[in-house]
N, C-alpha and C. Protein backbone atom coordinates (compact mmCIF):
# COMPACT_ATOMS: atom_id res chain seq x y z
N MET A 1 157.86 40.77 114.61
CA MET A 1 158.10 42.19 114.82
C MET A 1 159.16 42.32 115.93
N THR A 2 160.33 42.82 115.54
CA THR A 2 161.39 43.09 116.50
C THR A 2 161.45 44.60 116.72
N ILE A 3 161.63 44.99 117.97
CA ILE A 3 161.73 46.41 118.28
C ILE A 3 163.19 46.76 118.52
N HIS A 4 163.67 47.71 117.74
CA HIS A 4 165.05 48.20 117.81
C HIS A 4 165.03 49.60 118.40
N CYS A 5 166.19 50.07 118.83
CA CYS A 5 166.31 51.44 119.30
C CYS A 5 167.61 52.03 118.79
N CYS A 6 167.65 53.37 118.73
CA CYS A 6 168.85 54.04 118.23
C CYS A 6 168.97 55.42 118.83
N SER A 7 170.20 55.93 118.75
CA SER A 7 170.46 57.32 119.14
C SER A 7 171.68 57.81 118.38
N PHE A 8 171.87 59.11 118.42
CA PHE A 8 172.96 59.78 117.70
C PHE A 8 173.74 60.60 118.72
N ALA A 9 175.07 60.51 118.68
CA ALA A 9 175.87 61.29 119.63
C ALA A 9 177.16 61.76 118.98
N THR A 10 177.46 63.02 119.21
CA THR A 10 178.77 63.54 118.85
C THR A 10 179.72 63.16 119.98
N GLU A 11 180.98 63.46 119.81
CA GLU A 11 181.97 63.14 120.84
C GLU A 11 181.58 63.75 122.18
N THR A 12 181.01 64.93 122.15
CA THR A 12 180.58 65.62 123.37
C THR A 12 179.56 64.80 124.16
N PHE A 13 178.71 64.04 123.46
CA PHE A 13 177.62 63.30 124.10
C PHE A 13 177.88 61.80 124.16
N LYS A 14 179.11 61.36 123.88
CA LYS A 14 179.43 59.93 123.86
C LYS A 14 179.18 59.27 125.23
N THR A 15 179.54 59.95 126.30
CA THR A 15 179.31 59.41 127.64
C THR A 15 177.82 59.23 127.90
N ALA A 16 177.02 60.21 127.50
CA ALA A 16 175.56 60.12 127.66
C ALA A 16 175.01 58.96 126.85
N GLN A 17 175.55 58.74 125.65
CA GLN A 17 175.08 57.63 124.81
C GLN A 17 175.42 56.29 125.45
N ASN A 18 176.62 56.17 126.01
CA ASN A 18 177.00 54.93 126.69
C ASN A 18 176.10 54.66 127.89
N GLU A 19 175.74 55.71 128.61
CA GLU A 19 174.83 55.58 129.74
C GLU A 19 173.44 55.18 129.25
N GLN A 20 173.02 55.76 128.13
CA GLN A 20 171.70 55.45 127.57
C GLN A 20 171.60 53.97 127.19
N VAL A 21 172.70 53.40 126.68
CA VAL A 21 172.71 51.98 126.33
C VAL A 21 172.34 51.13 127.55
N LYS A 22 172.86 51.48 128.71
CA LYS A 22 172.53 50.73 129.94
C LYS A 22 171.02 50.77 130.20
N TYR A 23 170.41 51.92 129.96
CA TYR A 23 168.97 52.05 130.15
C TYR A 23 168.20 51.25 129.11
N PHE A 24 168.68 51.25 127.86
CA PHE A 24 168.04 50.43 126.82
C PHE A 24 168.05 48.96 127.24
N ILE A 25 169.17 48.49 127.73
CA ILE A 25 169.29 47.09 128.15
C ILE A 25 168.36 46.82 129.33
N LYS A 26 168.32 47.72 130.31
CA LYS A 26 167.41 47.55 131.45
C LYS A 26 165.95 47.53 131.00
N ALA A 27 165.64 48.25 129.91
CA ALA A 27 164.27 48.29 129.39
C ALA A 27 163.95 47.07 128.54
N GLY A 28 164.92 46.15 128.38
CA GLY A 28 164.65 44.89 127.69
C GLY A 28 165.15 44.78 126.26
N PHE A 29 165.92 45.75 125.80
CA PHE A 29 166.45 45.67 124.43
C PHE A 29 167.69 44.79 124.41
N LYS A 30 167.80 43.96 123.39
CA LYS A 30 169.00 43.15 123.19
C LYS A 30 170.08 44.05 122.59
N ILE A 31 171.32 43.79 122.95
CA ILE A 31 172.43 44.62 122.49
C ILE A 31 172.47 44.68 120.95
N GLU A 32 172.12 43.58 120.28
CA GLU A 32 172.16 43.57 118.81
C GLU A 32 171.04 44.42 118.19
N ASN A 33 170.07 44.84 119.00
CA ASN A 33 168.98 45.68 118.51
C ASN A 33 169.13 47.14 118.93
N ILE A 34 170.31 47.48 119.45
CA ILE A 34 170.62 48.85 119.82
C ILE A 34 171.59 49.40 118.78
N HIS A 35 171.17 50.45 118.09
CA HIS A 35 171.96 51.01 116.99
C HIS A 35 172.47 52.39 117.40
N LEU A 36 173.78 52.49 117.54
CA LEU A 36 174.40 53.76 117.95
C LEU A 36 174.98 54.45 116.74
N TYR A 37 174.68 55.71 116.59
CA TYR A 37 175.11 56.48 115.44
C TYR A 37 175.93 57.67 115.92
N ASN A 38 176.86 58.08 115.07
CA ASN A 38 177.69 59.26 115.35
C ASN A 38 178.02 59.94 114.03
N PRO A 39 178.59 61.13 114.06
CA PRO A 39 178.86 61.87 112.83
C PRO A 39 179.75 61.12 111.83
N GLU A 40 180.65 60.28 112.33
CA GLU A 40 181.54 59.54 111.42
C GLU A 40 180.77 58.55 110.54
N LEU A 41 179.58 58.16 110.98
CA LEU A 41 178.77 57.23 110.20
C LEU A 41 177.89 57.93 109.15
N LEU A 42 177.85 59.24 109.20
CA LEU A 42 177.16 59.98 108.13
C LEU A 42 178.07 59.95 106.92
N ASP A 43 177.57 59.43 105.82
CA ASP A 43 178.43 59.19 104.67
C ASP A 43 178.50 60.37 103.70
N LYS A 44 179.23 60.15 102.61
CA LYS A 44 179.43 61.19 101.59
C LYS A 44 178.10 61.68 101.03
N GLU A 45 177.16 60.77 100.84
CA GLU A 45 175.85 61.15 100.30
C GLU A 45 175.17 62.18 101.21
N PHE A 46 175.25 61.98 102.52
CA PHE A 46 174.66 62.93 103.45
C PHE A 46 175.35 64.29 103.31
N TYR A 47 176.68 64.29 103.34
CA TYR A 47 177.40 65.57 103.28
C TYR A 47 177.30 66.24 101.91
N ASP A 48 177.07 65.45 100.86
CA ASP A 48 176.82 66.05 99.54
C ASP A 48 175.48 66.79 99.55
N SER A 49 174.49 66.22 100.24
CA SER A 49 173.17 66.87 100.29
C SER A 49 173.12 67.97 101.35
N GLN A 50 174.03 67.93 102.32
CA GLN A 50 174.11 68.93 103.39
C GLN A 50 175.56 69.39 103.53
N PRO A 51 176.07 70.12 102.53
CA PRO A 51 177.51 70.44 102.52
C PRO A 51 177.99 71.27 103.70
N TYR A 52 177.11 71.97 104.37
CA TYR A 52 177.53 72.81 105.50
C TYR A 52 177.22 72.15 106.85
N ALA A 53 176.81 70.89 106.82
CA ALA A 53 176.47 70.20 108.05
C ALA A 53 177.69 70.08 108.95
N SER A 54 177.47 70.43 110.21
CA SER A 54 178.55 70.35 111.21
C SER A 54 177.91 70.30 112.59
N GLU A 55 178.73 70.06 113.58
CA GLU A 55 178.19 70.05 114.94
C GLU A 55 177.63 71.42 115.31
N LYS A 56 178.25 72.46 114.77
CA LYS A 56 177.82 73.83 115.08
C LYS A 56 176.36 74.08 114.65
N ASN A 57 175.96 73.53 113.49
CA ASN A 57 174.58 73.74 113.04
C ASN A 57 173.74 72.47 113.17
N LYS A 58 174.08 71.65 114.15
CA LYS A 58 173.32 70.43 114.48
C LYS A 58 173.22 69.48 113.30
N PHE A 59 174.32 69.38 112.56
CA PHE A 59 174.43 68.50 111.40
C PHE A 59 173.29 68.73 110.42
N GLY A 60 173.28 69.94 109.90
CA GLY A 60 172.29 70.30 108.89
C GLY A 60 170.94 70.58 109.48
N TRP A 61 170.94 71.24 110.64
CA TRP A 61 169.68 71.60 111.32
C TRP A 61 168.82 70.37 111.54
N PHE A 62 169.45 69.33 112.06
CA PHE A 62 168.81 68.07 112.44
C PHE A 62 168.37 67.22 111.26
N THR A 63 168.86 67.51 110.04
CA THR A 63 168.53 66.64 108.91
C THR A 63 169.19 65.28 109.04
N PHE A 64 170.14 65.15 109.97
CA PHE A 64 170.75 63.85 110.20
C PHE A 64 169.74 62.84 110.73
N LYS A 65 168.71 63.30 111.45
CA LYS A 65 167.76 62.36 112.06
C LYS A 65 167.06 61.49 111.02
N PRO A 66 166.35 62.07 110.06
CA PRO A 66 165.70 61.20 109.08
C PRO A 66 166.71 60.41 108.25
N TYR A 67 167.88 61.00 108.01
CA TYR A 67 168.89 60.32 107.19
C TYR A 67 169.38 59.05 107.88
N PHE A 68 169.78 59.14 109.12
CA PHE A 68 170.32 57.94 109.76
C PHE A 68 169.22 56.98 110.18
N ILE A 69 168.03 57.48 110.50
CA ILE A 69 166.91 56.58 110.80
C ILE A 69 166.59 55.74 109.57
N LEU A 70 166.55 56.37 108.41
CA LEU A 70 166.29 55.62 107.17
C LEU A 70 167.41 54.62 106.89
N SER A 71 168.65 55.00 107.14
CA SER A 71 169.75 54.07 106.89
C SER A 71 169.66 52.83 107.79
N ILE A 72 169.16 52.99 109.00
CA ILE A 72 168.97 51.83 109.89
C ILE A 72 167.76 51.01 109.43
N LEU A 73 166.66 51.69 109.08
CA LEU A 73 165.46 50.98 108.63
C LEU A 73 165.75 50.09 107.43
N LYS A 74 166.62 50.53 106.53
CA LYS A 74 166.97 49.74 105.35
C LYS A 74 167.57 48.39 105.72
N LYS A 75 168.14 48.29 106.91
CA LYS A 75 168.79 47.05 107.35
C LYS A 75 167.85 46.14 108.15
N LEU A 76 166.67 46.65 108.51
CA LEU A 76 165.75 45.89 109.34
C LEU A 76 164.75 45.10 108.49
N ASN A 77 164.13 44.13 109.11
CA ASN A 77 163.09 43.34 108.44
C ASN A 77 161.80 44.14 108.34
N ASP A 78 160.94 43.75 107.39
CA ASP A 78 159.62 44.37 107.29
C ASP A 78 158.88 44.20 108.61
N ASN A 79 158.16 45.24 108.99
CA ASN A 79 157.36 45.30 110.22
C ASN A 79 158.17 45.40 111.50
N ASP A 80 159.50 45.43 111.41
CA ASP A 80 160.29 45.75 112.59
C ASP A 80 160.04 47.21 112.94
N ILE A 81 160.26 47.54 114.18
CA ILE A 81 160.01 48.90 114.67
C ILE A 81 161.32 49.48 115.19
N LEU A 82 161.54 50.75 114.87
CA LEU A 82 162.74 51.45 115.32
C LEU A 82 162.33 52.64 116.17
N ILE A 83 162.89 52.71 117.38
CA ILE A 83 162.65 53.83 118.28
C ILE A 83 163.90 54.70 118.27
N TYR A 84 163.76 55.96 117.86
CA TYR A 84 164.85 56.92 117.99
C TYR A 84 164.60 57.69 119.28
N LEU A 85 165.65 57.85 120.07
CA LEU A 85 165.54 58.61 121.31
C LEU A 85 166.75 59.54 121.40
N ASP A 86 166.49 60.82 121.68
CA ASP A 86 167.60 61.75 121.87
C ASP A 86 168.54 61.19 122.92
N VAL A 87 169.80 61.44 122.74
CA VAL A 87 170.83 60.80 123.55
C VAL A 87 170.75 61.14 125.04
N ASN A 88 170.20 62.27 125.40
CA ASN A 88 170.07 62.63 126.81
C ASN A 88 168.80 62.09 127.45
N ASP A 89 167.95 61.44 126.67
CA ASP A 89 166.71 60.87 127.20
C ASP A 89 166.93 59.41 127.57
N LYS A 90 166.23 58.96 128.58
CA LYS A 90 166.35 57.58 129.05
C LYS A 90 165.04 56.84 128.82
N PRO A 91 165.10 55.66 128.20
CA PRO A 91 163.87 54.89 128.00
C PRO A 91 163.37 54.34 129.33
N LEU A 92 162.09 54.34 129.51
CA LEU A 92 161.49 53.81 130.72
C LEU A 92 161.19 52.33 130.55
N TYR A 93 161.24 51.61 131.67
CA TYR A 93 160.88 50.21 131.66
C TYR A 93 159.44 50.08 131.15
N GLY A 94 159.20 49.17 130.22
CA GLY A 94 157.88 48.97 129.66
C GLY A 94 157.68 49.65 128.31
N ILE A 95 158.68 50.41 127.86
CA ILE A 95 158.52 51.12 126.59
C ILE A 95 158.35 50.15 125.42
N LYS A 96 159.09 49.04 125.42
CA LYS A 96 158.97 48.07 124.33
C LYS A 96 157.56 47.51 124.26
N GLU A 97 157.03 47.10 125.38
CA GLU A 97 155.69 46.52 125.42
C GLU A 97 154.63 47.55 125.01
N TYR A 98 154.80 48.77 125.47
CA TYR A 98 153.87 49.84 125.12
C TYR A 98 153.87 50.09 123.62
N ILE A 99 155.07 50.23 123.04
CA ILE A 99 155.18 50.48 121.60
C ILE A 99 154.60 49.32 120.80
N GLN A 100 154.91 48.11 121.21
CA GLN A 100 154.38 46.94 120.51
C GLN A 100 152.85 46.93 120.56
N GLU A 101 152.29 47.20 121.72
CA GLU A 101 150.83 47.22 121.86
C GLU A 101 150.20 48.28 120.97
N ILE A 102 150.79 49.47 120.93
CA ILE A 102 150.25 50.55 120.09
C ILE A 102 150.24 50.14 118.63
N PHE A 103 151.34 49.55 118.15
CA PHE A 103 151.42 49.18 116.73
C PHE A 103 150.56 47.95 116.41
N VAL A 104 150.37 47.03 117.34
CA VAL A 104 149.50 45.87 117.11
C VAL A 104 148.04 46.32 117.03
N ARG A 105 147.65 47.23 117.92
CA ARG A 105 146.26 47.72 117.92
C ARG A 105 145.94 48.61 116.73
N ASN A 106 146.95 49.25 116.18
CA ASN A 106 146.76 50.19 115.06
C ASN A 106 147.54 49.71 113.86
N LYS A 107 146.99 48.77 113.15
CA LYS A 107 147.70 48.10 112.04
C LYS A 107 148.19 49.07 110.96
N ASN A 108 147.50 50.20 110.78
CA ASN A 108 147.89 51.14 109.74
C ASN A 108 148.86 52.21 110.23
N LEU A 109 149.27 52.12 111.47
CA LEU A 109 150.19 53.09 112.04
C LEU A 109 151.61 52.79 111.58
N ASP A 110 152.29 53.79 111.03
CA ASP A 110 153.68 53.62 110.59
C ASP A 110 154.64 54.50 111.36
N ILE A 111 154.16 55.63 111.88
CA ILE A 111 155.03 56.56 112.60
C ILE A 111 154.31 57.03 113.86
N LEU A 112 155.04 57.04 114.96
CA LEU A 112 154.54 57.55 116.22
C LEU A 112 155.58 58.55 116.71
N ALA A 113 155.16 59.77 116.99
CA ALA A 113 156.11 60.80 117.40
C ALA A 113 155.66 61.46 118.70
N PRO A 114 155.93 60.81 119.83
CA PRO A 114 155.64 61.48 121.10
C PRO A 114 156.63 62.64 121.28
N LEU A 115 156.12 63.83 121.47
CA LEU A 115 156.98 65.01 121.46
C LEU A 115 157.23 65.56 122.86
N THR A 116 158.39 66.20 122.98
CA THR A 116 158.69 66.96 124.19
C THR A 116 158.59 68.44 123.82
N ASN A 117 158.64 69.32 124.80
CA ASN A 117 158.43 70.73 124.52
C ASN A 117 159.47 71.61 125.20
N TYR A 118 159.77 72.74 124.54
CA TYR A 118 160.64 73.75 125.09
C TYR A 118 159.95 75.11 124.94
N PHE A 119 160.31 76.03 125.79
CA PHE A 119 159.72 77.36 125.69
C PHE A 119 159.99 77.97 124.31
N ASN A 120 158.97 78.58 123.73
CA ASN A 120 159.10 79.21 122.42
C ASN A 120 160.12 80.33 122.38
N ILE A 121 160.26 81.05 123.47
CA ILE A 121 161.12 82.24 123.47
C ILE A 121 162.53 81.90 123.00
N ARG A 122 162.98 80.70 123.28
CA ARG A 122 164.32 80.29 122.85
C ARG A 122 164.44 80.20 121.33
N PHE A 123 163.32 80.01 120.65
CA PHE A 123 163.34 79.76 119.22
C PHE A 123 162.83 80.92 118.39
N LEU A 124 162.47 82.01 119.03
CA LEU A 124 162.02 83.18 118.27
C LEU A 124 163.20 83.88 117.62
N SER A 125 163.04 84.27 116.39
CA SER A 125 164.09 85.03 115.72
C SER A 125 164.17 86.44 116.30
N ARG A 126 165.25 87.10 116.06
CA ARG A 126 165.41 88.48 116.53
C ARG A 126 164.28 89.35 115.98
N PHE A 127 163.96 89.15 114.70
CA PHE A 127 162.88 89.92 114.07
C PHE A 127 161.58 89.75 114.86
N HIS A 128 161.24 88.50 115.15
CA HIS A 128 159.98 88.24 115.84
C HIS A 128 159.99 88.75 117.28
N LYS A 129 161.12 88.65 117.94
CA LYS A 129 161.20 89.14 119.31
C LYS A 129 160.89 90.64 119.38
N PHE A 130 161.33 91.38 118.35
CA PHE A 130 161.15 92.83 118.38
C PHE A 130 159.90 93.31 117.65
N ASN A 131 159.22 92.41 116.93
CA ASN A 131 158.06 92.83 116.16
C ASN A 131 156.74 92.21 116.62
N LEU A 132 156.79 91.39 117.64
CA LEU A 132 155.55 90.85 118.18
C LEU A 132 154.88 91.88 119.08
N SER A 133 153.58 91.79 119.16
CA SER A 133 152.88 92.64 120.12
C SER A 133 153.35 92.25 121.52
N PRO A 134 153.28 93.15 122.47
CA PRO A 134 153.70 92.80 123.85
C PRO A 134 152.95 91.58 124.39
N GLU A 135 151.67 91.43 124.02
CA GLU A 135 150.90 90.29 124.51
C GLU A 135 151.44 88.97 123.96
N LEU A 136 151.72 88.95 122.65
CA LEU A 136 152.25 87.72 122.05
C LEU A 136 153.65 87.41 122.56
N PHE A 137 154.47 88.45 122.70
CA PHE A 137 155.82 88.24 123.22
C PHE A 137 155.75 87.65 124.63
N PHE A 138 154.91 88.21 125.48
CA PHE A 138 154.76 87.72 126.84
C PHE A 138 154.23 86.29 126.85
N SER A 139 153.27 85.98 125.99
CA SER A 139 152.68 84.63 125.98
C SER A 139 153.68 83.58 125.48
N SER A 140 154.70 84.01 124.72
CA SER A 140 155.68 83.04 124.23
C SER A 140 156.46 82.41 125.37
N PHE A 141 156.46 83.04 126.54
CA PHE A 141 157.10 82.43 127.70
C PHE A 141 156.29 81.26 128.24
N PHE A 142 155.01 81.18 127.88
CA PHE A 142 154.14 80.15 128.42
C PHE A 142 153.74 79.11 127.38
N ASN A 143 153.92 79.40 126.11
CA ASN A 143 153.63 78.44 125.05
C ASN A 143 154.88 77.61 124.81
N PHE A 144 154.72 76.47 124.18
CA PHE A 144 155.84 75.57 124.01
C PHE A 144 156.10 75.25 122.55
N GLN A 145 157.35 74.93 122.28
CA GLN A 145 157.81 74.54 120.95
C GLN A 145 158.00 73.03 120.94
N PRO A 146 157.27 72.29 120.10
CA PRO A 146 157.47 70.84 120.08
C PRO A 146 158.87 70.47 119.55
N GLU A 147 159.38 69.37 120.04
CA GLU A 147 160.70 68.91 119.67
C GLU A 147 160.63 67.39 119.54
N ALA A 148 161.12 66.86 118.43
CA ALA A 148 161.02 65.42 118.15
C ALA A 148 162.17 64.66 118.79
N GLY A 149 162.12 64.49 120.10
CA GLY A 149 163.16 63.76 120.83
C GLY A 149 162.93 62.27 120.87
N CYS A 150 161.75 61.85 120.45
CA CYS A 150 161.43 60.42 120.38
C CYS A 150 160.59 60.22 119.11
N ILE A 151 161.08 59.36 118.25
CA ILE A 151 160.37 59.05 117.00
C ILE A 151 160.34 57.53 116.88
N VAL A 152 159.16 56.98 116.61
CA VAL A 152 159.02 55.54 116.47
C VAL A 152 158.50 55.26 115.06
N VAL A 153 159.22 54.40 114.32
CA VAL A 153 158.88 54.15 112.92
C VAL A 153 158.81 52.65 112.67
N LYS A 154 157.74 52.24 111.98
CA LYS A 154 157.62 50.84 111.57
C LYS A 154 158.22 50.71 110.17
N ASN A 155 159.02 49.72 109.95
CA ASN A 155 159.62 49.48 108.64
C ASN A 155 158.59 48.82 107.75
N SER A 156 157.91 49.65 106.95
CA SER A 156 156.83 49.12 106.10
C SER A 156 157.02 49.53 104.65
């Protein structure tokens, strides 16, 4: 079982991705197990299925994530593990050992998605902002919207 890591960056986030690579290496990843992705690596098949994908709409409203994760998994050995991390996130020392331990203890585990959170108010549509009861609108400032900034997948 080899643990790989990957991230996706547009030109705007290229510096952050290069910095992230340093953190991956400090966390114990070998350079050959670090997979860097960018929009130029999204192929014709992706753009045929997402014809309006662009940086403006987060490359098909983040449909690039499963697409490029799957393209990397196809190149890995069975039971290898791939960690996707948003480009602005930094892996902590010990992440490889932690992930390995989780997957060894849970033989039937194929996907692990530790989530981060953002305030819901940012994601409410205009309709919902104006049609929620005052109580629900106010509570949206305190509730959180999950975001898949870290996804761990076993190639099975």
